[in-house]
PDB file of N, CA and C in Angstrom:
ATOM      1  N   UNK A   1     -36.557  -7.407   5.150  1.00  0.00           N
ATOM      2  CA  UNK A   1     -35.346  -8.582   4.766  1.00  0.00           C
ATOM      3  C   UNK A   1     -34.610  -8.994   5.527  1.00  0.00           C
ATOM      4  N   UNK A   2     -34.119 -10.278   5.742  1.00  0.00           N
ATOM      5  CA  UNK A   2     -33.577 -10.493   6.854  1.00  0.00           C
ATOM      6  C   UNK A   2     -32.410 -10.838   6.748  1.00  0.00           C
ATOM      7  N   UNK A   3     -31.618 -11.557   5.877  1.00  0.00           N
ATOM      8  CA  UNK A   3     -30.400 -12.067   5.888  1.00  0.00           C
ATOM      9  C   UNK A   3     -29.860 -11.344   4.929  1.00  0.00           C
ATOM     10  N   UNK A   4     -28.790 -11.845   5.094  1.00  0.00           N
ATOM     11  CA  UNK A   4     -27.384 -11.125   3.765  1.00  0.00           C
ATOM     12  C   UNK A   4     -27.786 -11.813   2.297  1.00  0.00           C
ATOM     13  N   UNK A   5     -28.380 -12.861   1.846  1.00  0.00           N
ATOM     14  CA  UNK A   5     -28.704 -13.487   0.283  1.00  0.00           C
ATOM     15  C   UNK A   5     -30.328 -12.311   0.472  1.00  0.00           C
ATOM     16  N   UNK A   6     -31.183 -12.365   0.851  1.00  0.00           N
ATOM     17  CA  UNK A   6     -32.208 -11.954   0.382  1.00  0.00           C
ATOM     18  C   UNK A   6     -32.537 -10.475   0.361  1.00  0.00           C
ATOM     19  N   UNK A   7     -31.172  -9.800   0.715  1.00  0.00           N
ATOM     20  CA  UNK A   7     -30.972  -8.060   0.949  1.00  0.00           C
ATOM     21  C   UNK A   7     -30.270  -8.410  -0.286  1.00  0.00           C
ATOM     22  N   UNK A   8     -29.370  -9.452  -0.868  1.00  0.00           N
ATOM     23  CA  UNK A   8     -28.672  -9.163  -2.038  1.00  0.00           C
ATOM     24  C   UNK A   8     -29.566  -9.099  -3.192  1.00  0.00           C
ATOM     25  N   UNK A   9     -30.694 -10.087  -3.587  1.00  0.00           N
ATOM     26  CA  UNK A   9     -31.981 -10.304  -4.130  1.00  0.00           C
ATOM     27  C   UNK A   9     -32.414  -9.096  -3.959  1.00  0.00           C
ATOM     28  N   UNK A  10     -32.796  -8.496  -2.784  1.00  0.00           N
ATOM     29  CA  UNK A  10     -33.651  -7.374  -2.822  1.00  0.00           C
ATOM     30  C   UNK A  10     -32.868  -6.137  -4.133  1.00  0.00           C
ATOM     31  N   UNK A  11     -31.808  -6.109  -3.826  1.00  0.00           N
ATOM     32  CA  UNK A  11     -31.012  -4.569  -3.798  1.00  0.00           C
ATOM     33  C   UNK A  11     -30.714  -5.487  -6.132  1.00  0.00           C
ATOM     34  N   UNK A  12     -30.500  -6.725  -6.420  1.00  0.00           N
ATOM     35  CA  UNK A  12     -29.818  -6.636  -7.581  1.00  0.00           C
ATOM     36  C   UNK A  12     -31.879  -6.544  -8.326  1.00  0.00           C
ATOM     37  N   UNK A  13     -33.345  -6.936  -7.283  1.00  0.00           N
ATOM     38  CA  UNK A  13     -34.229  -6.301  -8.499  1.00  0.00           C
ATOM     39  C   UNK A  13     -34.921  -4.950  -8.241  1.00  0.00           C
ATOM     40  N   UNK A  14     -33.727  -4.676  -7.330  1.00  0.00           N
ATOM     41  CA  UNK A  14     -34.006  -2.952  -7.289  1.00  0.00           C
ATOM     42  C   UNK A  14     -33.322  -2.247  -8.849  1.00  0.00           C
ATOM     43  N   UNK A  15     -32.348  -2.359  -9.087  1.00  0.00           N
ATOM     44  CA  UNK A  15     -30.979  -2.490  -9.930  1.00  0.00           C
ATOM     45  C   UNK A  15     -32.346  -2.465 -11.065  1.00  0.00           C
ATOM     46  N   UNK A  16     -32.524  -3.406 -11.818  1.00  0.00           N
ATOM     47  CA  UNK A  16     -33.069  -3.760 -12.766  1.00  0.00           C
ATOM     48  C   UNK A  16     -34.553  -2.984 -13.364  1.00  0.00           C
ATOM     49  N   UNK A  17     -35.200  -2.567 -12.029  1.00  0.00           N
ATOM     50  CA  UNK A  17     -36.693  -2.583 -11.472  1.00  0.00           C
ATOM     51  C   UNK A  17     -36.096  -0.454 -12.161  1.00  0.00           C
ATOM     52  N   UNK A  18     -35.225   0.055 -10.812  1.00  0.00           N
ATOM     53  CA  UNK A  18     -35.019   1.199 -11.464  1.00  0.00           C
ATOM     54  C   UNK A  18     -34.223   1.346 -12.894  1.00  0.00           C
ATOM     55  N   UNK A  19     -32.874   0.703 -13.200  1.00  0.00           N
ATOM     56  CA  UNK A  19     -32.143   0.844 -14.284  1.00  0.00           C
ATOM     57  C   UNK A  19     -33.070   0.874 -15.601  1.00  0.00           C
ATOM     58  N   UNK A  20     -33.796  -0.494 -15.897  1.00  0.00           N
ATOM     59  CA  UNK A  20     -34.360  -1.345 -16.885  1.00  0.00           C
ATOM     60  C   UNK A  20     -35.484  -0.911 -16.913  1.00  0.00           C
ATOM     61  N   UNK A  21     -36.320  -0.672 -16.194  1.00  0.00           N
ATOM     62  CA  UNK A  21     -37.755   0.232 -15.648  1.00  0.00           C
ATOM     63  C   UNK A  21     -38.544   1.225 -15.846  1.00  0.00           C
ATOM     64  N   UNK A  22     -37.737   1.879 -15.303  1.00  0.00           N
ATOM     65  CA  UNK A  22     -37.847   3.039 -14.949  1.00  0.00           C
ATOM     66  C   UNK A  22     -38.525   3.950 -13.685  1.00  0.00           C
ATOM     67  N   UNK A  23     -38.678   2.338 -12.707  1.00  0.00           N
ATOM     68  CA  UNK A  23     -39.445   1.825 -11.698  1.00  0.00           C
ATOM     69  C   UNK A  23     -38.460   3.564 -10.737  1.00  0.00           C
ATOM     70  N   UNK A  24     -40.113   3.927  -9.686  1.00  0.00           N
ATOM     71  CA  UNK A  24     -39.499   5.132  -8.508  1.00  0.00           C
ATOM     72  C   UNK A  24     -39.064   4.238  -7.342  1.00  0.00           C
ATOM     73  N   UNK A  25     -37.742   5.503  -6.461  1.00  0.00           N
ATOM     74  CA  UNK A  25     -37.563   4.897  -5.481  1.00  0.00           C
ATOM     75  C   UNK A  25     -38.537   3.546  -4.482  1.00  0.00           C
ATOM     76  N   UNK A  26     -39.902   5.109  -4.219  1.00  0.00           N
ATOM     77  CA  UNK A  26     -40.163   3.719  -3.375  1.00  0.00           C
ATOM     78  C   UNK A  26     -41.293   2.730  -3.537  1.00  0.00           C
ATOM     79  N   UNK A  27     -41.765   2.092  -5.639  1.00  0.00           N
ATOM     80  CA  UNK A  27     -42.175   1.141  -6.179  1.00  0.00           C
ATOM     81  C   UNK A  27     -40.535   0.122  -5.755  1.00  0.00           C
ATOM     82  N   UNK A  28     -39.831   0.563  -5.654  1.00  0.00           N
ATOM     83  CA  UNK A  28     -38.378  -0.355  -5.377  1.00  0.00           C
ATOM     84  C   UNK A  28     -38.711  -1.132  -4.149  1.00  0.00           C
ATOM     85  N   UNK A  29     -38.822   0.059  -3.493  1.00  0.00           N
ATOM     86  CA  UNK A  29     -38.925  -0.281  -2.009  1.00  0.00           C
ATOM     87  C   UNK A  29     -39.407  -0.863  -1.649  1.00  0.00           C
ATOM     88  N   UNK A  30     -41.180  -0.643  -1.818  1.00  0.00           N
ATOM     89  CA  UNK A  30     -41.785  -1.224  -1.480  1.00  0.00           C
ATOM     90  C   UNK A  30     -41.566  -3.274  -2.521  1.00  0.00           C
ATOM     91  N   UNK A  31     -41.592  -3.124  -3.254  1.00  0.00           N
ATOM     92  CA  UNK A  31     -41.248  -4.594  -4.240  1.00  0.00           C
ATOM     93  C   UNK A  31     -40.035  -5.124  -3.209  1.00  0.00           C
ATOM     94  N   UNK A  32     -39.427  -4.475  -2.960  1.00  0.00           N
ATOM     95  CA  UNK A  32     -37.496  -5.361  -1.363  1.00  0.00           C
ATOM     96  C   UNK A  32     -38.304  -5.472  -0.947  1.00  0.00           C
ATOM     97  N   UNK A  33     -39.431  -4.692  -0.389  1.00  0.00           N
ATOM     98  CA  UNK A  33     -39.285  -5.012   0.822  1.00  0.00           C
ATOM     99  C   UNK A  33     -38.544  -4.349   2.193  1.00  0.00           C
ATOM    100  N   UNK A  34     -37.787  -3.117   1.859  1.00  0.00           N
ATOM    101  CA  UNK A  34     -36.972  -2.440   2.281  1.00  0.00           C
ATOM    102  C   UNK A  34     -37.940  -1.024   2.503  1.00  0.00           C
ATOM    103  N   UNK A  35     -36.395   0.204   2.742  1.00  0.00           N
ATOM    104  CA  UNK A  35     -36.594   1.145   2.887  1.00  0.00           C
ATOM    105  C   UNK A  35     -36.628   2.036   1.590  1.00  0.00           C
ATOM    106  N   UNK A  36     -36.903   2.992   1.420  1.00  0.00           N
ATOM    107  CA  UNK A  36     -36.267   3.991   0.403  1.00  0.00           C
ATOM    108  C   UNK A  36     -35.655   4.511   0.499  1.00  0.00           C
ATOM    109  N   UNK A  37     -34.431   4.884   1.781  1.00  0.00           N
ATOM    110  CA  UNK A  37     -33.130   5.068   2.016  1.00  0.00           C
ATOM    111  C   UNK A  37     -32.841   3.735   1.751  1.00  0.00           C
ATOM    112  N   UNK A  38     -32.934   3.080   1.673  1.00  0.00           N
ATOM    113  CA  UNK A  38     -32.109   1.947   1.599  1.00  0.00           C
ATOM    114  C   UNK A  38     -31.918   1.521   0.007  1.00  0.00           C
ATOM    115  N   UNK A  39     -32.914   2.121  -0.550  1.00  0.00           N
ATOM    116  CA  UNK A  39     -33.305   1.996  -2.224  1.00  0.00           C
ATOM    117  C   UNK A  39     -32.042   3.214  -2.736  1.00  0.00           C
ATOM    118  N   UNK A  40     -32.235   4.751  -1.986  1.00  0.00           N
ATOM    119  CA  UNK A  40     -31.962   5.610  -2.423  1.00  0.00           C
ATOM    120  C   UNK A  40     -30.009   5.679  -1.512  1.00  0.00           C
ATOM    121  N   UNK A  41     -29.881   4.891  -0.833  1.00  0.00           N
ATOM    122  CA  UNK A  41     -28.340   4.695  -0.584  1.00  0.00           C
ATOM    123  C   UNK A  41     -27.598   3.222  -1.960  1.00  0.00           C
ATOM    124  N   UNK A  42     -28.441   2.170  -2.315  1.00  0.00           N
ATOM    125  CA  UNK A  42     -27.767   1.578  -3.351  1.00  0.00           C
ATOM    126  C   UNK A  42     -28.301   1.712  -4.561  1.00  0.00           C
ATOM    127  N   UNK A  43     -28.877   3.002  -4.405  1.00  0.00           N
ATOM    128  CA  UNK A  43     -28.898   3.667  -5.756  1.00  0.00           C
ATOM    129  C   UNK A  43     -27.272   4.613  -6.289  1.00  0.00           C
ATOM    130  N   UNK A  44     -27.618   4.903  -5.043  1.00  0.00           N
ATOM    131  CA  UNK A  44     -26.002   5.633  -4.943  1.00  0.00           C
ATOM    132  C   UNK A  44     -24.546   5.275  -4.943  1.00  0.00           C
ATOM    133  N   UNK A  45     -24.792   4.212  -4.161  1.00  0.00           N
ATOM    134  CA  UNK A  45     -23.194   3.778  -4.141  1.00  0.00           C
ATOM    135  C   UNK A  45     -23.221   2.772  -4.868  1.00  0.00           C
ATOM    136  N   UNK A  46     -24.457   2.617  -6.464  1.00  0.00           N
ATOM    137  CA  UNK A  46     -24.498   1.271  -6.627  1.00  0.00           C
ATOM    138  C   UNK A  46     -23.956   2.828  -8.587  1.00  0.00           C
ATOM    139  N   UNK A  47     -24.323   3.553  -8.483  1.00  0.00           N
ATOM    140  CA  UNK A  47     -24.106   4.333  -9.532  1.00  0.00           C
ATOM    141  C   UNK A  47     -25.692   4.368 -10.329  1.00  0.00           C
ATOM    142  N   UNK A  48     -26.748   3.641  -9.656  1.00  0.00           N
ATOM    143  CA  UNK A  48     -27.506   3.554 -10.835  1.00  0.00           C
ATOM    144  C   UNK A  48     -28.239   4.765 -12.305  1.00  0.00           C
ATOM    145  N   UNK A  49     -28.299   5.881 -11.382  1.00  0.00           N
ATOM    146  CA  UNK A  49     -28.429   6.433 -12.262  1.00  0.00           C
ATOM    147  C   UNK A  49     -27.743   6.964 -13.480  1.00  0.00           C
ATOM    148  N   UNK A  50     -26.310   6.925 -13.297  1.00  0.00           N
ATOM    149  CA  UNK A  50     -25.617   6.571 -14.647  1.00  0.00           C
ATOM    150  C   UNK A  50     -26.354   5.236 -15.119  1.00  0.00           C
ATOM    151  N   UNK A  51     -26.269   4.716 -14.550  1.00  0.00           N
ATOM    152  CA  UNK A  51     -26.549   2.687 -15.493  1.00  0.00           C
ATOM    153  C   UNK A  51     -27.527   3.183 -16.404  1.00  0.00           C
ATOM    154  N   UNK A  52     -28.640   4.482 -16.132  1.00  0.00           N
ATOM    155  CA  UNK A  52     -29.750   4.560 -16.157  1.00  0.00           C
ATOM    156  C   UNK A  52     -29.951   5.532 -17.055  1.00  0.00           C
ATOM    157  N   UNK A  53     -29.427   6.637 -17.030  1.00  0.00           N
ATOM    158  CA  UNK A  53     -29.185   7.458 -18.379  1.00  0.00           C
ATOM    159  C   UNK A  53     -28.078   5.977 -19.956  1.00  0.00           C
ATOM    160  N   UNK A  54     -27.368   5.446 -19.160  1.00  0.00           N
ATOM    161  CA  UNK A  54     -26.495   4.580 -20.101  1.00  0.00           C
ATOM    162  C   UNK A  54     -27.569   3.371 -21.585  1.00  0.00           C
ATOM    163  N   UNK A  55     -28.217   3.191 -20.470  1.00  0.00           N
ATOM    164  CA  UNK A  55     -29.325   2.261 -20.922  1.00  0.00           C
ATOM    165  C   UNK A  55     -29.950   2.774 -21.998  1.00  0.00           C
ATOM    166  N   UNK A  56     -31.020   3.881 -22.044  1.00  0.00           N
ATOM    167  CA  UNK A  56     -30.873   4.576 -22.159  1.00  0.00           C
ATOM    168  C   UNK A  56     -30.778   4.604 -24.005  1.00  0.00           C
ATOM    169  N   UNK A  57     -29.390   5.884 -23.832  1.00  0.00           N
ATOM    170  CA  UNK A  57     -27.778   5.025 -24.831  1.00  0.00           C
ATOM    171  C   UNK A  57     -28.181   4.317 -25.286  1.00  0.00           C
ATOM    172  N   UNK A  58     -27.550   3.757 -24.704  1.00  0.00           N
ATOM    173  CA  UNK A  58     -27.547   2.131 -25.677  1.00  0.00           C
ATOM    174  C   UNK A  58     -29.449   1.843 -26.732  1.00  0.00           C
ATOM    175  N   UNK A  59     -30.921   2.174 -26.133  1.00  0.00           N
ATOM    176  CA  UNK A  59     -30.914   1.180 -26.386  1.00  0.00           C
ATOM    177  C   UNK A  59     -31.427   2.573 -27.819  1.00  0.00           C
ATOM    178  N   UNK A  60     -31.246   2.813 -27.718  1.00  0.00           N
ATOM    179  CA  UNK A  60     -31.642   4.179 -28.671  1.00  0.00           C
ATOM    180  C   UNK A  60     -31.100   4.355 -29.948  1.00  0.00           C
ATOM    181  N   UNK A  61     -29.578   3.884 -29.143  1.00  0.00           N
ATOM    182  CA  UNK A  61     -28.200   3.538 -30.276  1.00  0.00           C
ATOM    183  C   UNK A  61     -29.222   1.781 -31.678  1.00  0.00           C
ATOM    184  N   UNK A  62     -28.759   1.234 -30.791  1.00  0.00           N
ATOM    185  CA  UNK A  62     -29.943   0.250 -30.340  1.00  0.00           C
ATOM    186  C   UNK A  62     -30.523   0.116 -31.875  1.00  0.00           C
ATOM    187  N   UNK A  63     -31.778   0.985 -31.679  1.00  0.00           N
ATOM    188  CA  UNK A  63     -33.005   1.197 -32.222  1.00  0.00           C
ATOM    189  C   UNK A  63     -32.634   2.305 -33.280  1.00  0.00           C
ATOM    190  N   UNK A  64     -31.592   2.669 -33.647  1.00  0.00           N
ATOM    191  CA  UNK A  64     -31.802   3.493 -35.351  1.00  0.00           C
ATOM    192  C   UNK A  64     -30.609   2.727 -35.858  1.00  0.00           C
ATOM    193  N   UNK A  65     -30.106   2.510 -35.218  1.00  0.00           N
ATOM    194  CA  UNK A  65     -28.846   0.473 -36.319  1.00  0.00           C
ATOM    195  C   UNK A  65     -29.651  -0.359 -36.850  1.00  0.00           C
ATOM    196  N   UNK A  66     -31.077  -0.802 -35.839  1.00  0.00           N
ATOM    197  CA  UNK A  66     -32.079  -1.657 -36.391  1.00  0.00           C
ATOM    198  C   UNK A  66     -32.348  -1.206 -37.538  1.00  0.00           C
ATOM    199  N   UNK A  67     -32.933   0.230 -37.376  1.00  0.00           N
ATOM    200  CA  UNK A  67     -33.972   0.607 -38.539  1.00  0.00           C
ATOM    201  C   UNK A  67     -33.152   0.930 -39.469  1.00  0.00           C
ATOM    202  N   UNK A  68     -32.263   0.953 -39.886  1.00  0.00           N
ATOM    203  CA  UNK A  68     -30.614   1.233 -41.087  1.00  0.00           C
ATOM    204  C   UNK A  68     -30.455  -0.263 -41.176  1.00  0.00           C
ATOM    205  N   UNK A  69     -30.302  -0.951 -40.635  1.00  0.00           N
ATOM    206  CA  UNK A  69     -30.508  -2.573 -41.422  1.00  0.00           C
ATOM    207  C   UNK A  69     -31.176  -2.900 -41.695  1.00  0.00           C
ATOM    208  N   UNK A  70     -32.529  -2.857 -40.913  1.00  0.00           N
ATOM    209  CA  UNK A  70     -33.560  -3.180 -41.788  1.00  0.00           C
ATOM    210  C   UNK A  70     -33.711  -1.911 -42.564  1.00  0.00           C
ATOM    211  N   UNK A  71     -33.587  -1.549 -43.325  1.00  0.00           N
ATOM    212  CA  UNK A  71     -32.999   0.260 -43.834  1.00  0.00           C
ATOM    213  C   UNK A  71     -33.068  -0.705 -45.653  1.00  0.00           C
ATOM    214  N   UNK A  72     -31.513  -0.974 -45.482  1.00  0.00           N
ATOM    215  CA  UNK A  72     -30.668  -1.534 -45.911  1.00  0.00           C
ATOM    216  C   UNK A  72     -30.773  -2.732 -46.748  1.00  0.00           C
ATOM    217  N   UNK A  73     -31.439  -3.742 -46.022  1.00  0.00           N
ATOM    218  CA  UNK A  73     -31.345  -4.576 -46.217  1.00  0.00           C
ATOM    219  C   UNK A  73     -32.277  -4.611 -46.996  1.00  0.00           C
ATOM    220  N   UNK A  74     -34.321  -4.167 -47.164  1.00  0.00           N
ATOM    221  CA  UNK A  74     -34.710  -3.689 -47.880  1.00  0.00           C
ATOM    222  C   UNK A  74     -34.840  -3.495 -48.970  1.00  0.00           C
ATOM    223  N   UNK A  75     -33.690  -2.378 -49.528  1.00  0.00           N
ATOM    224  CA  UNK A  75     -32.938  -2.012 -50.116  1.00  0.00           C
ATOM    225  C   UNK A  75     -31.836  -2.611 -50.837  1.00  0.00           C
ATOM    226  N   UNK A  76     -31.718  -3.934 -50.352  1.00  0.00           N
ATOM    227  CA  UNK A  76     -30.875  -5.071 -51.316  1.00  0.00           C
ATOM    228  C   UNK A  76     -32.554  -6.266 -51.510  1.00  0.00           C
ATOM    229  N   UNK A  77     -33.348  -6.726 -51.053  1.00  0.00           N
ATOM    230  CA  UNK A  77     -34.103  -7.094 -51.751  1.00  0.00           C
ATOM    231  C   UNK A  77     -35.093  -6.551 -52.754  1.00  0.00           C
ATOM    232  N   UNK A  78     -35.792  -5.484 -52.601  1.00  0.00           N
ATOM    233  CA  UNK A  78     -35.649  -4.700 -53.883  1.00  0.00           C
ATOM    234  C   UNK A  78     -35.221  -4.874 -55.621  1.00  0.00           C
ATOM    235  N   UNK A  79     -33.794  -4.545 -54.865  1.00  0.00           N
ATOM    236  CA  UNK A  79     -32.802  -5.244 -55.792  1.00  0.00           C
ATOM    237  C   UNK A  79     -32.410  -6.722 -55.919  1.00  0.00           C
ATOM    238  N   UNK A  80     -32.612  -7.233 -55.545  1.00  0.00           N
ATOM    239  CA  UNK A  80     -32.347  -8.219 -55.781  1.00  0.00           C
ATOM    240  C   UNK A  80     -33.110  -9.643 -54.944  1.00  0.00           C
ATOM    241  N   UNK A  81     -35.273  -9.536 -55.118  1.00  0.00           N
ATOM    242  CA  UNK A  81     -36.149 -10.364 -53.904  1.00  0.00           C
ATOM    243  C   UNK A  81     -35.105 -11.688 -54.407  1.00  0.00           C
ATOM    244  N   UNK A  82     -35.450 -12.204 -55.389  1.00  0.00           N
ATOM    245  CA  UNK A  82     -34.224 -14.033 -55.174  1.00  0.00           C
ATOM    246  C   UNK A  82     -33.933 -14.296 -54.195  1.00  0.00           C
ATOM    247  N   UNK A  83     -32.860 -13.187 -53.962  1.00  0.00           N
ATOM    248  CA  UNK A  83     -31.740 -13.502 -52.453  1.00  0.00           C
ATOM    249  C   UNK A  83     -32.469 -14.266 -51.541  1.00  0.00           C
ATOM    250  N   UNK A  84     -32.214 -15.490 -51.089  1.00  0.00           N
ATOM    251  CA  UNK A  84     -32.433 -15.651 -50.012  1.00  0.00           C
ATOM    252  C   UNK A  84     -32.551 -15.005 -48.987  1.00  0.00           C
ATOM    253  N   UNK A  85     -30.402 -14.915 -49.455  1.00  0.00           N
ATOM    254  CA  UNK A  85     -29.716 -14.700 -48.115  1.00  0.00           C
ATOM    255  C   UNK A  85     -30.558 -13.439 -47.186  1.00  0.00           C
ATOM    256  N   UNK A  86     -31.229 -12.322 -48.104  1.00  0.00           N
ATOM    257  CA  UNK A  86     -30.916 -11.235 -47.795  1.00  0.00           C
ATOM    258  C   UNK A  86     -32.884 -10.916 -47.263  1.00  0.00           C
ATOM    259  N   UNK A  87     -33.472 -11.900 -48.109  1.00  0.00           N
ATOM    260  CA  UNK A  87     -34.434 -12.263 -47.910  1.00  0.00           C
ATOM    261  C   UNK A  87     -34.747 -13.224 -45.484  1.00  0.00           C
ATOM    262  N   UNK A  88     -33.492 -13.502 -45.169  1.00  0.00           N
ATOM    263  CA  UNK A  88     -33.969 -14.329 -44.428  1.00  0.00           C
ATOM    264  C   UNK A  88     -33.134 -13.214 -43.035  1.00  0.00           C
ATOM    265  N   UNK A  89     -32.178 -12.490 -43.962  1.00  0.00           N
ATOM    266  CA  UNK A  89     -31.259 -11.639 -42.666  1.00  0.00           C
ATOM    267  C   UNK A  89     -32.914 -10.375 -42.732  1.00  0.00           C
ATOM    268  N   UNK A  90     -33.621 -10.219 -43.306  1.00  0.00           N
ATOM    269  CA  UNK A  90     -34.844  -9.425 -43.096  1.00  0.00           C
ATOM    270  C   UNK A  90     -35.719  -9.578 -42.040  1.00  0.00           C
ATOM    271  N   UNK A  91     -35.974 -10.919 -42.809  1.00  0.00           N
ATOM    272  CA  UNK A  91     -36.904 -11.159 -41.700  1.00  0.00           C
ATOM    273  C   UNK A  91     -36.490 -12.351 -40.460  1.00  0.00           C
ATOM    274  N   UNK A  92     -34.803 -11.700 -39.962  1.00  0.00           N
ATOM    275  CA  UNK A  92     -34.743 -11.517 -38.727  1.00  0.00           C
ATOM    276  C   UNK A  92     -34.940 -10.794 -37.949  1.00  0.00           C
ATOM    277  N   UNK A  93     -34.176  -9.666 -38.661  1.00  0.00           N
ATOM    278  CA  UNK A  93     -34.421  -8.037 -38.045  1.00  0.00           C
ATOM    279  C   UNK A  93     -35.793  -7.805 -38.258  1.00  0.00           C
ATOM    280  N   UNK A  94     -36.680  -8.007 -38.881  1.00  0.00           N
ATOM    281  CA  UNK A  94     -38.116  -7.800 -38.184  1.00  0.00           C
ATOM    282  C   UNK A  94     -37.969  -8.549 -37.243  1.00  0.00           C
ATOM    283  N   UNK A  95     -38.651  -9.618 -36.680  1.00  0.00           N
ATOM    284  CA  UNK A  95     -38.727 -10.425 -35.202  1.00  0.00           C
ATOM    285  C   UNK A  95     -37.964  -9.705 -34.640  1.00  0.00           C
ATOM    286  N   UNK A  96     -36.727  -8.975 -34.665  1.00  0.00           N
ATOM    287  CA  UNK A  96     -36.401  -8.697 -33.614  1.00  0.00           C
ATOM    288  C   UNK A  96     -36.686  -7.413 -33.522  1.00  0.00           C
ATOM    289  N   UNK A  97     -36.714  -6.518 -34.085  1.00  0.00           N
ATOM    290  CA  UNK A  97     -37.943  -5.230 -33.967  1.00  0.00           C
ATOM    291  C   UNK A  97     -38.897  -5.388 -32.671  1.00  0.00           C
ATOM    292  N   UNK A  98     -39.495  -6.211 -33.733  1.00  0.00           N
ATOM    293  CA  UNK A  98     -40.898  -6.971 -33.397  1.00  0.00           C
ATOM    294  C   UNK A  98     -40.520  -6.772 -31.660  1.00  0.00           C
ATOM    295  N   UNK A  99     -39.914  -7.394 -31.406  1.00  0.00           N
ATOM    296  CA  UNK A  99     -39.758  -7.962 -29.848  1.00  0.00           C
ATOM    297  C   UNK A  99     -39.198  -7.493 -29.367  1.00  0.00           C
ATOM    298  N   UNK A 100     -38.637  -6.444 -29.397  1.00  0.00           N
ATOM    299  CA  UNK A 100     -38.105  -5.441 -28.831  1.00  0.00           C
ATOM    300  C   UNK A 100     -39.357  -3.934 -28.598  1.00  0.00           C
ATOM    301  N   UNK A 101     -40.243  -4.095 -29.176  1.00  0.00           N
ATOM    302  CA  UNK A 101     -41.360  -2.880 -28.814  1.00  0.00           C
ATOM    303  C   UNK A 101     -41.804  -3.848 -27.775  1.00  0.00           C
TER     304      UNK A 101
END
């Protein structure tokens, strides 16, 4: 990558691949067109490993809370199946749950 803007874009792309999609350093470097050493420096400087752990923890917590909300909504729906608000909430939560997978 020759210019600053391209390198900045490559760094952002690498961060997303490494943190969110679990790409390896070598895979990130290949996609961004930089050396693995450059990616390693970005990881260290940007604290990407810490971000990866935090992201996985947050994803886990979101998933747990989504399941709790679905369970509570289902129980409320069983108690009062004519309640349109609960039915709408359940539909929304189920769509979000499918989208998350």
